Amino acid sequence: MFSTGQLIFGILFFIAFVIVIAYQYRKDLPLHKRYYKGTVWILIAFISFIGLIAAVKFIFM
């Protein structure tokens, strides 16, 4: 399906991408802590809402 060169390129690209994303996240972490306080509650509310919808679907199915 893929040649050896394509697999090597894909693996190296993935490793480099993860390293760059991790570096940028660590660099921006102080800004995230300052500007995005409380967003965890929004995530919890969103997941709860999706869970509620799924529960209602299975109860009334």
PDB file of N, CA and C in Angstrom:
ATOM      1  N   MET A   1       0.823  -1.186   0.000  1.00  0.00           N
ATOM      2  CA  MET A   1       0.000   0.000   0.000  1.00  0.00           C
ATOM      3  C   MET A   1       0.877   1.264   0.000  1.00  0.00           C
ATOM      4  N   PHE A   2       1.799   1.362   0.946  1.00  0.00           N
ATOM      5  CA  PHE A   2       2.731   2.479   0.989  1.00  0.00           C
ATOM      6  C   PHE A   2       4.141   1.955   0.755  1.00  0.00           C
ATOM      7  N   SER A   3       4.960   2.764   0.118  1.00  0.00           N
ATOM      8  CA  SER A   3       6.354   2.355  -0.056  1.00  0.00           C
ATOM      9  C   SER A   3       7.116   2.595   1.247  1.00  0.00           C
ATOM     10  N   THR A   4       8.298   2.035   1.326  1.00  0.00           N
ATOM     11  CA  THR A   4       9.119   2.190   2.528  1.00  0.00           C
ATOM     12  C   THR A   4       9.446   3.655   2.782  1.00  0.00           C
ATOM     13  N   GLY A   5       9.764   4.385   1.723  1.00  0.00           N
ATOM     14  CA  GLY A   5      10.080   5.806   1.871  1.00  0.00           C
ATOM     15  C   GLY A   5       8.896   6.604   2.398  1.00  0.00           C
ATOM     16  N   GLN A   6       7.701   6.276   1.919  1.00  0.00           N
ATOM     17  CA  GLN A   6       6.511   6.980   2.394  1.00  0.00           C
ATOM     18  C   GLN A   6       6.250   6.685   3.865  1.00  0.00           C
ATOM     19  N   LEU A   7       6.437   5.452   4.285  1.00  0.00           N
ATOM     20  CA  LEU A   7       6.253   5.108   5.695  1.00  0.00           C
ATOM     21  C   LEU A   7       7.261   5.823   6.584  1.00  0.00           C
ATOM     22  N   ILE A   8       8.507   5.853   6.159  1.00  0.00           N
ATOM     23  CA  ILE A   8       9.544   6.546   6.937  1.00  0.00           C
ATOM     24  C   ILE A   8       9.215   8.027   7.028  1.00  0.00           C
ATOM     25  N   PHE A   9       8.836   8.629   5.915  1.00  0.00           N
ATOM     26  CA  PHE A   9       8.475  10.042   5.923  1.00  0.00           C
ATOM     27  C   PHE A   9       7.289  10.283   6.849  1.00  0.00           C
ATOM     28  N   GLY A  10       6.279   9.446   6.778  1.00  0.00           N
ATOM     29  CA  GLY A  10       5.095   9.613   7.616  1.00  0.00           C
ATOM     30  C   GLY A  10       5.428   9.522   9.095  1.00  0.00           C
ATOM     31  N   ILE A  11       6.252   8.554   9.453  1.00  0.00           N
ATOM     32  CA  ILE A  11       6.637   8.391  10.854  1.00  0.00           C
ATOM     33  C   ILE A  11       7.461   9.571  11.338  1.00  0.00           C
ATOM     34  N   LEU A  12       8.432  10.000  10.545  1.00  0.00           N
ATOM     35  CA  LEU A  12       9.264  11.152  10.934  1.00  0.00           C
ATOM     36  C   LEU A  12       8.443  12.434  11.007  1.00  0.00           C
ATOM     37  N   PHE A  13       7.523  12.607  10.074  1.00  0.00           N
ATOM     38  CA  PHE A  13       6.667  13.787  10.095  1.00  0.00           C
ATOM     39  C   PHE A  13       5.813  13.791  11.355  1.00  0.00           C
ATOM     40  N   PHE A  14       5.235  12.647  11.712  1.00  0.00           N
ATOM     41  CA  PHE A  14       4.400  12.549  12.908  1.00  0.00           C
ATOM     42  C   PHE A  14       5.205  12.878  14.161  1.00  0.00           C
ATOM     43  N   ILE A  15       6.409  12.333  14.266  1.00  0.00           N
ATOM     44  CA  ILE A  15       7.256  12.592  15.436  1.00  0.00           C
ATOM     45  C   ILE A  15       7.606  14.072  15.524  1.00  0.00           C
ATOM     46  N   ALA A  16       7.997  14.679  14.393  1.00  0.00           N
ATOM     47  CA  ALA A  16       8.339  16.107  14.384  1.00  0.00           C
ATOM     48  C   ALA A  16       7.118  16.954  14.727  1.00  0.00           C
ATOM     49  N   PHE A  17       5.956  16.592  14.209  1.00  0.00           N
ATOM     50  CA  PHE A  17       4.724  17.343  14.471  1.00  0.00           C
ATOM     51  C   PHE A  17       4.387  17.302  15.961  1.00  0.00           C
ATOM     52  N   VAL A  18       4.469  16.132  16.579  1.00  0.00           N
ATOM     53  CA  VAL A  18       4.166  16.012  18.007  1.00  0.00           C
ATOM     54  C   VAL A  18       5.155  16.823  18.839  1.00  0.00           C
ATOM     55  N   ILE A  19       6.424  16.812  18.474  1.00  0.00           N
ATOM     56  CA  ILE A  19       7.431  17.576  19.211  1.00  0.00           C
ATOM     57  C   ILE A  19       7.149  19.074  19.109  1.00  0.00           C
ATOM     58  N   VAL A  20       6.834  19.550  17.920  1.00  0.00           N
ATOM     59  CA  VAL A  20       6.560  20.983  17.733  1.00  0.00           C
ATOM     60  C   VAL A  20       5.290  21.393  18.488  1.00  0.00           C
ATOM     61  N   ILE A  21       4.248  20.590  18.418  1.00  0.00           N
ATOM     62  CA  ILE A  21       3.009  20.911  19.121  1.00  0.00           C
ATOM     63  C   ILE A  21       3.246  20.940  20.637  1.00  0.00           C
ATOM     64  N   ALA A  22       3.989  19.969  21.163  1.00  0.00           N
ATOM     65  CA  ALA A  22       4.276  19.928  22.600  1.00  0.00           C
ATOM     66  C   ALA A  22       5.096  21.148  23.013  1.00  0.00           C
ATOM     67  N   TYR A  23       6.078  21.527  22.204  1.00  0.00           N
ATOM     68  CA  TYR A  23       6.906  22.698  22.522  1.00  0.00           C
ATOM     69  C   TYR A  23       6.067  23.971  22.538  1.00  0.00           C
ATOM     70  N   GLN A  24       5.214  24.145  21.546  1.00  0.00           N
ATOM     71  CA  GLN A  24       4.379  25.342  21.485  1.00  0.00           C
ATOM     72  C   GLN A  24       3.392  25.386  22.647  1.00  0.00           C
ATOM     73  N   TYR A  25       2.833  24.233  23.008  1.00  0.00           N
ATOM     74  CA  TYR A  25       1.897  24.193  24.133  1.00  0.00           C
ATOM     75  C   TYR A  25       2.600  24.590  25.419  1.00  0.00           C
ATOM     76  N   ARG A  26       3.802  24.062  25.648  1.00  0.00           N
ATOM     77  CA  ARG A  26       4.546  24.407  26.874  1.00  0.00           C
ATOM     78  C   ARG A  26       4.895  25.891  26.890  1.00  0.00           C
ATOM     79  N   LYS A  27       5.197  26.441  25.718  1.00  0.00           N
ATOM     80  CA  LYS A  27       5.546  27.856  25.628  1.00  0.00           C
ATOM     81  C   LYS A  27       4.338  28.747  25.941  1.00  0.00           C
ATOM     82  N   ASP A  28       3.142  28.325  25.533  1.00  0.00           N
ATOM     83  CA  ASP A  28       1.936  29.124  25.720  1.00  0.00           C
ATOM     84  C   ASP A  28       1.196  28.807  27.014  1.00  0.00           C
ATOM     85  N   LEU A  29       1.693  27.881  27.808  1.00  0.00           N
ATOM     86  CA  LEU A  29       0.986  27.467  29.005  1.00  0.00           C
ATOM     87  C   LEU A  29       0.673  28.616  29.972  1.00  0.00           C
ATOM     88  N   PRO A  30       1.592  29.555  30.235  1.00  0.00           N
ATOM     89  CA  PRO A  30       1.234  30.669  31.127  1.00  0.00           C
ATOM     90  C   PRO A  30       0.078  31.517  30.584  1.00  0.00           C
ATOM     91  N   LEU A  31       0.035  31.707  29.273  1.00  0.00           N
ATOM     92  CA  LEU A  31      -1.074  32.472  28.696  1.00  0.00           C
ATOM     93  C   LEU A  31      -2.387  31.719  28.827  1.00  0.00           C
ATOM     94  N   HIS A  32      -2.355  30.408  28.626  1.00  0.00           N
ATOM     95  CA  HIS A  32      -3.568  29.603  28.761  1.00  0.00           C
ATOM     96  C   HIS A  32      -4.099  29.673  30.188  1.00  0.00           C
ATOM     97  N   LYS A  33      -3.202  29.600  31.163  1.00  0.00           N
ATOM     98  CA  LYS A  33      -3.636  29.642  32.560  1.00  0.00           C
ATOM     99  C   LYS A  33      -4.249  30.997  32.902  1.00  0.00           C
ATOM    100  N   ARG A  34      -3.760  32.066  32.294  1.00  0.00           N
ATOM    101  CA  ARG A  34      -4.275  33.391  32.603  1.00  0.00           C
ATOM    102  C   ARG A  34      -5.600  33.666  31.901  1.00  0.00           C
ATOM    103  N   TYR A  35      -5.711  33.337  30.632  1.00  0.00           N
ATOM    104  CA  TYR A  35      -6.869  33.743  29.846  1.00  0.00           C
ATOM    105  C   TYR A  35      -7.987  32.714  29.778  1.00  0.00           C
ATOM    106  N   TYR A  36      -7.698  31.464  30.062  1.00  0.00           N
ATOM    107  CA  TYR A  36      -8.707  30.420  29.894  1.00  0.00           C
ATOM    108  C   TYR A  36      -9.059  29.731  31.205  1.00  0.00           C
ATOM    109  N   LYS A  37      -9.096  30.501  32.297  1.00  0.00           N
ATOM    110  CA  LYS A  37      -9.528  29.939  33.577  1.00  0.00           C
ATOM    111  C   LYS A  37     -10.994  29.563  33.480  1.00  0.00           C
ATOM    112  N   GLY A  38     -11.384  28.462  34.071  1.00  0.00           N
ATOM    113  CA  GLY A  38     -12.782  28.079  34.123  1.00  0.00           C
ATOM    114  C   GLY A  38     -13.309  27.379  32.893  1.00  0.00           C
ATOM    115  N   THR A  39     -12.495  27.199  31.876  1.00  0.00           N
ATOM    116  CA  THR A  39     -12.997  26.533  30.676  1.00  0.00           C
ATOM    117  C   THR A  39     -13.214  25.044  30.911  1.00  0.00           C
ATOM    118  N   VAL A  40     -12.586  24.512  31.965  1.00  0.00           N
ATOM    119  CA  VAL A  40     -12.801  23.113  32.301  1.00  0.00           C
ATOM    120  C   VAL A  40     -14.278  22.882  32.635  1.00  0.00           C
ATOM    121  N   TRP A  41     -14.924  23.858  33.270  1.00  0.00           N
ATOM    122  CA  TRP A  41     -16.340  23.708  33.614  1.00  0.00           C
ATOM    123  C   TRP A  41     -17.219  23.671  32.367  1.00  0.00           C
ATOM    124  N   ILE A  42     -16.837  24.419  31.368  1.00  0.00           N
ATOM    125  CA  ILE A  42     -17.580  24.384  30.105  1.00  0.00           C
ATOM    126  C   ILE A  42     -17.428  23.012  29.455  1.00  0.00           C
ATOM    127  N   LEU A  43     -16.236  22.455  29.485  1.00  0.00           N
ATOM    128  CA  LEU A  43     -16.010  21.118  28.945  1.00  0.00           C
ATOM    129  C   LEU A  43     -16.833  20.074  29.696  1.00  0.00           C
ATOM    130  N   ILE A  44     -16.841  20.162  31.024  1.00  0.00           N
ATOM    131  CA  ILE A  44     -17.628  19.228  31.826  1.00  0.00           C
ATOM    132  C   ILE A  44     -19.115  19.360  31.513  1.00  0.00           C
ATOM    133  N   ALA A  45     -19.602  20.592  31.378  1.00  0.00           N
ATOM    134  CA  ALA A  45     -21.016  20.807  31.052  1.00  0.00           C
ATOM    135  C   ALA A  45     -21.340  20.240  29.666  1.00  0.00           C
ATOM    136  N   PHE A  46     -20.462  20.428  28.709  1.00  0.00           N
ATOM    137  CA  PHE A  46     -20.686  19.920  27.354  1.00  0.00           C
ATOM    138  C   PHE A  46     -20.735  18.393  27.345  1.00  0.00           C
ATOM    139  N   ILE A  47     -19.786  17.760  28.016  1.00  0.00           N
ATOM    140  CA  ILE A  47     -19.761  16.296  28.072  1.00  0.00           C
ATOM    141  C   ILE A  47     -20.997  15.776  28.805  1.00  0.00           C
ATOM    142  N   SER A  48     -21.402  16.450  29.877  1.00  0.00           N
ATOM    143  CA  SER A  48     -22.608  16.048  30.601  1.00  0.00           C
ATOM    144  C   SER A  48     -23.842  16.163  29.720  1.00  0.00           C
ATOM    145  N   PHE A  49     -23.928  17.226  28.949  1.00  0.00           N
ATOM    146  CA  PHE A  49     -25.069  17.427  28.063  1.00  0.00           C
ATOM    147  C   PHE A  49     -25.137  16.323  27.009  1.00  0.00           C
ATOM    148  N   ILE A  50     -24.003  15.987  26.418  1.00  0.00           N
ATOM    149  CA  ILE A  50     -23.969  14.907  25.429  1.00  0.00           C
ATOM    150  C   ILE A  50     -24.354  13.584  26.094  1.00  0.00           C
ATOM    151  N   GLY A  51     -23.875  13.351  27.314  1.00  0.00           N
ATOM    152  CA  GLY A  51     -24.246  12.141  28.051  1.00  0.00           C
ATOM    153  C   GLY A  51     -25.736  12.103  28.357  1.00  0.00           C
ATOM    154  N   LEU A  52     -26.307  13.249  28.696  1.00  0.00           N
ATOM    155  CA  LEU A  52     -27.742  13.325  28.954  1.00  0.00           C
ATOM    156  C   LEU A  52     -28.542  13.002  27.698  1.00  0.00           C
ATOM    157  N   ILE A  53     -28.127  13.536  26.581  1.00  0.00           N
ATOM    158  CA  ILE A  53     -28.808  13.241  25.312  1.00  0.00           C
ATOM    159  C   ILE A  53     -28.731  11.747  25.001  1.00  0.00           C
ATOM    160  N   ALA A  54     -27.561  11.148  25.202  1.00  0.00           N
ATOM    161  CA  ALA A  54     -27.406   9.711  24.942  1.00  0.00           C
ATOM    162  C   ALA A  54     -28.276   8.896  25.896  1.00  0.00           C
ATOM    163  N   ALA A  55     -28.330   9.299  27.171  1.00  0.00           N
ATOM    164  CA  ALA A  55     -29.154   8.583  28.140  1.00  0.00           C
ATOM    165  C   ALA A  55     -30.625   8.658  27.764  1.00  0.00           C
ATOM    166  N   VAL A  56     -31.107   9.830  27.391  1.00  0.00           N
ATOM    167  CA  VAL A  56     -32.503   9.984  26.982  1.00  0.00           C
ATOM    168  C   VAL A  56     -32.802   9.122  25.744  1.00  0.00           C
ATOM    169  N   LYS A  57     -31.851   9.088  24.827  1.00  0.00           N
ATOM    170  CA  LYS A  57     -32.056   8.261  23.628  1.00  0.00           C
ATOM    171  C   LYS A  57     -32.209   6.793  23.985  1.00  0.00           C
ATOM    172  N   PHE A  58     -31.341   6.290  24.873  1.00  0.00           N
ATOM    173  CA  PHE A  58     -31.406   4.874  25.229  1.00  0.00           C
ATOM    174  C   PHE A  58     -32.609   4.555  26.120  1.00  0.00           C
ATOM    175  N   ILE A  59     -33.067   5.514  26.923  1.00  0.00           N
ATOM    176  CA  ILE A  59     -34.237   5.277  27.774  1.00  0.00           C
ATOM    177  C   ILE A  59     -35.498   5.182  26.929  1.00  0.00           C
ATOM    178  N   PHE A  60     -35.660   6.073  25.968  1.00  0.00           N
ATOM    179  CA  PHE A  60     -36.879   6.126  25.174  1.00  0.00           C
ATOM    180  C   PHE A  60     -36.796   5.359  23.858  1.00  0.00           C
ATOM    181  N   MET A  61     -35.786   4.575  23.688  1.00  0.00           N
ATOM    182  CA  MET A  61     -35.637   3.841  22.436  1.00  0.00           C
ATOM    183  C   MET A  61     -36.438   2.574  22.415  1.00  0.00           C
TER     184      MET A  61
END
